[in-house]
Each structure stands twice: as C-alpha cells, then as structure tokens.
Amino acid sequence: MTRYLTEFIGTLFLVLTIGLTVLGQVPMAPLAIGASLMIMVYMGGHISGGHYNPAVSLAAGLRGKLPATEVVPYMVAQVLGAIAASLLVYFILGQTFAPAPAPTATIPGALLIETLYTFALALVVLNTAYHPATKGNSYYGLAIGFTITVGAFAGGGVSGGAFNPAVGLGPTLVRALLSGGSLASLWLYLVGPFLGGFLAALVFQQQERAG
C-alpha cells in the first residue's frame, strides 16, 4: 500500500504543478514541471520506483522491473493522483485544464511527439533506475526530470506535452465533467505514451544484453 500511496502523491504533485503553471501562464513552465517530477522521483524512487506514469510502469513491467501483478495497481494509483490534482486545481483557480494538440498540429505529428518523448522518458528511467551498470547512482532524478523538461519545451507546443497517460486522462476527465470539455483528443495521450513505453522496453532489452 505504501508504494501505491507514493505513486499517488508523486503523480498528484506532478499534475498539480502542470495545472497551476499552465493556467497561471507561468514563464518557463516546462522547467517547473520537470523540476516537480525530479523532486518527486527523489522523494519516492526508493519506495515505489518513482514512476508517476502508467507508460513507465508498463515499460518496467515488461522488463520484469515491476511485478506483473503490480502494474495495474500502479496505474490506478497514478490516475487517481492525476484526478485528485485536477480537482485541486479547479478548487484553487476555479478553472479546469487538459492537454490538447496545437490548432496547427497534424494528428500524426502530435501522436509522434507523444510517442517519441514518452519513449525517451521510459528509456531514461529504465537505464538510470534499473540497469545494473548504473545501480546506486544519485543522478537518476535529474535525468528523468530533465527529460520531461526537454520534451515539454520541444514538443509541448505541438502535442500538448503530456507524455503520460495519467496526465492525459485525469485532467481531461475532470474538464469534461466540470467544464463540458471534449474527450476527442484523449486517445492521443493513451496510444502515444503507451506505445512509447512499449518501444522503450524493447530497446532496453537489447541494452541490458549488451551491457
């Protein structure tokens, strides 16, 4: 239960930071979002692995770094954390939020961005947190947090920059329920990130063999 609570808390603060910085139009919001992930990874990495992302949990499960029986409970805890954070943002600011592709973005382009940067994130997590050659390092949180910072700066303006099914699902559901928001783009934030996590697991399998 402690592991699930940790995943809930970490995801909550990640999504809370996303909502408050995006709605507050905070300059350099991607840096704050990446930093929030970094500090939450350091907070809970030694307890739960600090995934805070169903796509990362999928990748870890596929490579045997997370027991198969734990994958779905991790995902549930993460989505509940995202929903709770979205409700907190609404309570604090009176507004809802949700990722959405840019009006000028193509669907294939947005899907590719979500896939590629989630792939990068999951691959960084697997290599810095689970590879035997990097065991005991102290930089894994920095690497993971800055991966999201890079993804948000580079691709957020195209796809909306979720790179995380919980970040896509939680805020989108809350916005739909409280503000009449659309669910039309939700599939992008499920298909893209889960595909990215799956591909990262395949690549990491080869990296483990080589390492």
Protein backbone atom coordinates (compact mmCIF):
# COMPACT_ATOMS: atom_id res chain seq x y z
CA MET A 1 0.00 0.00 0.00
CA THR A 2 2.89 2.39 0.71
CA ARG A 3 4.09 2.01 -2.87
CA TYR A 4 0.67 2.89 -4.26
CA LEU A 5 0.40 5.88 -1.91
CA THR A 6 3.79 7.07 -3.09
CA GLU A 7 2.75 6.79 -6.74
CA PHE A 8 -0.47 8.67 -5.94
CA ILE A 9 1.38 11.50 -4.18
CA GLY A 10 4.09 11.83 -6.81
CA THR A 11 1.59 11.94 -9.66
CA LEU A 12 -0.58 14.39 -7.75
CA PHE A 13 2.22 16.92 -7.35
CA LEU A 14 3.34 16.48 -10.96
CA VAL A 15 -0.15 17.14 -12.32
CA LEU A 16 -0.82 19.89 -9.77
CA THR A 17 2.30 21.68 -10.99
CA ILE A 18 1.25 21.25 -14.61
CA GLY A 19 -2.20 22.68 -13.96
CA LEU A 20 -1.11 25.64 -11.85
CA THR A 21 1.75 26.67 -14.13
CA VAL A 22 -0.17 26.24 -17.38
CA LEU A 23 -3.31 28.05 -16.21
CA GLY A 24 -1.19 30.68 -14.46
CA GLN A 25 0.77 31.19 -17.70
CA VAL A 26 3.96 30.91 -15.69
CA PRO A 27 7.10 31.70 -17.71
CA MET A 28 9.36 28.68 -18.16
CA ALA A 29 6.55 26.34 -17.09
CA PRO A 30 8.32 23.28 -18.58
CA LEU A 31 11.23 23.86 -16.20
CA ALA A 32 8.90 23.87 -13.20
CA ILE A 33 7.13 20.74 -14.46
CA GLY A 34 10.41 18.89 -15.00
CA ALA A 35 11.65 20.00 -11.58
CA SER A 36 8.46 18.77 -9.94
CA LEU A 37 8.97 15.35 -11.49
CA MET A 38 12.60 15.34 -10.41
CA ILE A 39 11.88 16.11 -6.75
CA MET A 40 9.05 13.58 -6.63
CA VAL A 41 11.34 10.94 -8.12
CA TYR A 42 13.86 11.63 -5.38
CA MET A 43 11.04 11.56 -2.84
CA GLY A 44 9.67 8.17 -3.82
CA GLY A 45 12.15 6.43 -6.08
CA HIS A 46 13.49 4.26 -3.26
CA ILE A 47 9.96 3.22 -2.27
CA SER A 48 7.96 2.68 -5.47
CA GLY A 49 10.45 3.37 -8.22
CA GLY A 50 9.01 6.84 -8.72
CA HIS A 51 7.18 6.12 -11.97
CA TYR A 52 4.20 8.51 -11.71
CA ASN A 53 3.36 7.49 -15.25
CA PRO A 54 1.44 4.42 -16.49
CA ALA A 55 3.65 4.21 -19.60
CA VAL A 56 6.75 3.96 -17.42
CA SER A 57 5.08 1.31 -15.27
CA LEU A 58 4.21 -0.61 -18.43
CA ALA A 59 7.84 -0.48 -19.58
CA ALA A 60 9.12 -1.55 -16.17
CA GLY A 61 6.60 -4.38 -16.03
CA LEU A 62 7.53 -5.64 -19.49
CA ARG A 63 11.18 -5.81 -18.46
CA GLY A 64 10.45 -7.53 -15.15
CA LYS A 65 11.45 -4.50 -13.08
CA LEU A 66 7.92 -4.28 -11.68
CA PRO A 67 5.95 -7.44 -10.85
CA ALA A 68 3.14 -8.05 -13.33
CA THR A 69 0.60 -8.05 -10.51
CA GLU A 70 1.68 -4.52 -9.56
CA VAL A 71 1.37 -2.87 -12.97
CA VAL A 72 -2.39 -2.23 -12.92
CA PRO A 73 -2.47 -1.10 -9.25
CA TYR A 74 0.36 1.33 -10.02
CA MET A 75 -1.59 2.70 -12.98
CA VAL A 76 -4.75 3.08 -10.89
CA ALA A 77 -2.86 4.98 -8.19
CA GLN A 78 -1.31 7.26 -10.80
CA VAL A 79 -4.62 8.06 -12.49
CA LEU A 80 -6.28 8.72 -9.14
CA GLY A 81 -3.43 11.09 -8.27
CA ALA A 82 -3.94 12.92 -11.56
CA ILE A 83 -7.69 13.22 -10.96
CA ALA A 84 -7.15 14.49 -7.42
CA ALA A 85 -4.65 17.08 -8.67
CA SER A 86 -7.04 18.25 -11.38
CA LEU A 87 -9.77 18.71 -8.79
CA LEU A 88 -7.37 20.66 -6.57
CA VAL A 89 -6.50 22.97 -9.46
CA TYR A 90 -10.21 23.59 -10.03
CA PHE A 91 -10.73 24.30 -6.32
CA ILE A 92 -7.75 26.69 -6.21
CA LEU A 93 -8.22 28.55 -9.51
CA GLY A 94 -11.81 27.81 -10.45
CA GLN A 95 -10.62 26.53 -13.83
CA THR A 96 -10.01 23.18 -15.42
CA PHE A 97 -7.23 22.26 -17.83
CA ALA A 98 -6.32 19.43 -20.17
CA PRO A 99 -3.62 18.79 -22.76
CA ALA A 100 -4.59 19.40 -26.36
CA PRO A 101 -2.71 19.48 -29.66
CA ALA A 102 -1.93 22.86 -31.16
CA PRO A 103 -4.53 24.04 -33.72
CA THR A 104 -1.83 23.91 -36.38
CA ALA A 105 -0.61 20.42 -35.44
CA THR A 106 -1.42 17.37 -37.50
CA ILE A 107 -2.73 14.27 -35.77
CA PRO A 108 0.22 12.11 -36.95
CA GLY A 109 2.64 14.82 -35.80
CA ALA A 110 1.07 15.10 -32.34
CA LEU A 111 0.95 11.32 -31.96
CA LEU A 112 4.60 11.03 -32.96
CA ILE A 113 5.66 13.67 -30.43
CA GLU A 114 3.80 11.87 -27.63
CA THR A 115 5.31 8.54 -28.65
CA LEU A 116 8.88 9.75 -29.06
CA TYR A 117 9.24 11.72 -25.86
CA THR A 118 7.49 9.09 -23.77
CA PHE A 119 9.88 6.57 -25.34
CA ALA A 120 12.78 8.79 -24.30
CA LEU A 121 11.41 9.19 -20.78
CA ALA A 122 10.79 5.48 -20.24
CA LEU A 123 14.19 4.57 -21.68
CA VAL A 124 15.92 7.06 -19.38
CA VAL A 125 14.03 5.66 -16.37
CA LEU A 126 14.95 2.08 -17.25
CA ASN A 127 18.61 2.88 -17.80
CA THR A 128 19.17 5.20 -14.84
CA ALA A 129 16.98 3.46 -12.28
CA TYR A 130 17.14 -0.21 -13.27
CA HIS A 131 20.25 -1.00 -15.33
CA PRO A 132 22.87 -2.90 -13.29
CA ALA A 133 25.64 -0.63 -14.60
CA THR A 134 24.01 2.48 -13.07
CA LYS A 135 22.94 0.90 -9.79
CA GLY A 136 23.24 3.25 -6.81
CA ASN A 137 23.69 6.42 -8.86
CA SER A 138 22.47 9.75 -7.50
CA TYR A 139 21.66 11.45 -10.79
CA TYR A 140 18.63 9.42 -11.89
CA GLY A 141 16.13 12.03 -10.69
CA LEU A 142 17.89 14.79 -12.61
CA ALA A 143 17.96 12.72 -15.78
CA ILE A 144 14.28 11.83 -15.53
CA GLY A 145 13.13 15.36 -14.67
CA PHE A 146 15.15 16.98 -17.43
CA THR A 147 13.81 14.51 -19.99
CA ILE A 148 10.34 15.89 -19.34
CA THR A 149 11.66 19.46 -19.43
CA VAL A 150 13.21 18.84 -22.84
CA GLY A 151 10.06 17.12 -24.12
CA ALA A 152 7.81 19.92 -22.90
CA PHE A 153 9.96 22.65 -24.45
CA ALA A 154 10.48 20.82 -27.74
CA GLY A 155 7.14 19.09 -28.27
CA GLY A 156 4.64 20.63 -25.88
CA GLY A 157 3.68 23.28 -28.40
CA VAL A 158 2.78 20.58 -30.90
CA SER A 159 1.07 17.79 -28.98
CA GLY A 160 0.20 19.42 -25.67
CA GLY A 161 3.12 17.68 -23.99
CA ALA A 162 1.54 15.03 -21.78
CA PHE A 163 3.98 12.12 -22.32
CA ASN A 164 1.99 10.35 -19.63
CA PRO A 165 -1.44 8.62 -19.85
CA ALA A 166 -2.33 9.83 -16.34
CA VAL A 167 -1.59 13.44 -17.33
CA GLY A 168 -3.84 12.96 -20.33
CA LEU A 169 -6.63 11.06 -18.61
CA GLY A 170 -7.06 12.76 -15.23
CA PRO A 171 -7.31 16.41 -16.34
CA THR A 172 -9.34 15.52 -19.44
CA LEU A 173 -11.95 13.62 -17.41
CA VAL A 174 -12.22 16.39 -14.82
CA ARG A 175 -12.55 19.04 -17.52
CA ALA A 176 -15.23 17.01 -19.29
CA LEU A 177 -17.21 16.55 -16.07
CA LEU A 178 -16.88 20.07 -14.67
CA SER A 179 -16.50 22.27 -17.75
CA GLY A 180 -18.02 20.28 -20.59
CA GLY A 181 -14.66 19.65 -22.21
CA SER A 182 -14.18 17.28 -25.10
CA LEU A 183 -12.72 13.77 -24.95
CA ALA A 184 -11.80 13.86 -28.65
CA SER A 185 -8.04 14.13 -28.13
CA LEU A 186 -7.80 11.74 -25.20
CA TRP A 187 -6.75 8.79 -27.32
CA LEU A 188 -3.56 10.61 -28.33
CA TYR A 189 -2.41 10.67 -24.70
CA LEU A 190 -3.13 6.98 -24.25
CA VAL A 191 -1.95 5.46 -27.53
CA GLY A 192 1.18 7.60 -27.96
CA PRO A 193 2.63 7.23 -24.46
CA PHE A 194 1.79 3.53 -24.11
CA LEU A 195 3.39 2.87 -27.49
CA GLY A 196 6.44 4.83 -26.39
CA GLY A 197 6.69 2.81 -23.18
CA PHE A 198 6.38 -0.46 -25.10
CA LEU A 199 9.12 0.53 -27.55
CA ALA A 200 11.39 1.61 -24.69
CA ALA A 201 11.02 -1.83 -23.11
CA LEU A 202 12.08 -3.46 -26.38
CA VAL A 203 15.15 -1.25 -26.74
CA PHE A 204 16.11 -1.67 -23.09
CA GLN A 205 16.02 -5.43 -23.53
CA GLN A 206 18.80 -5.09 -26.10
CA GLN A 207 20.71 -2.59 -23.96
CA GLU A 208 20.65 -4.92 -20.97
CA ARG A 209 22.07 -7.74 -23.08
CA ALA A 210 24.79 -5.50 -24.46
CA GLY A 211 25.62 -4.02 -21.06
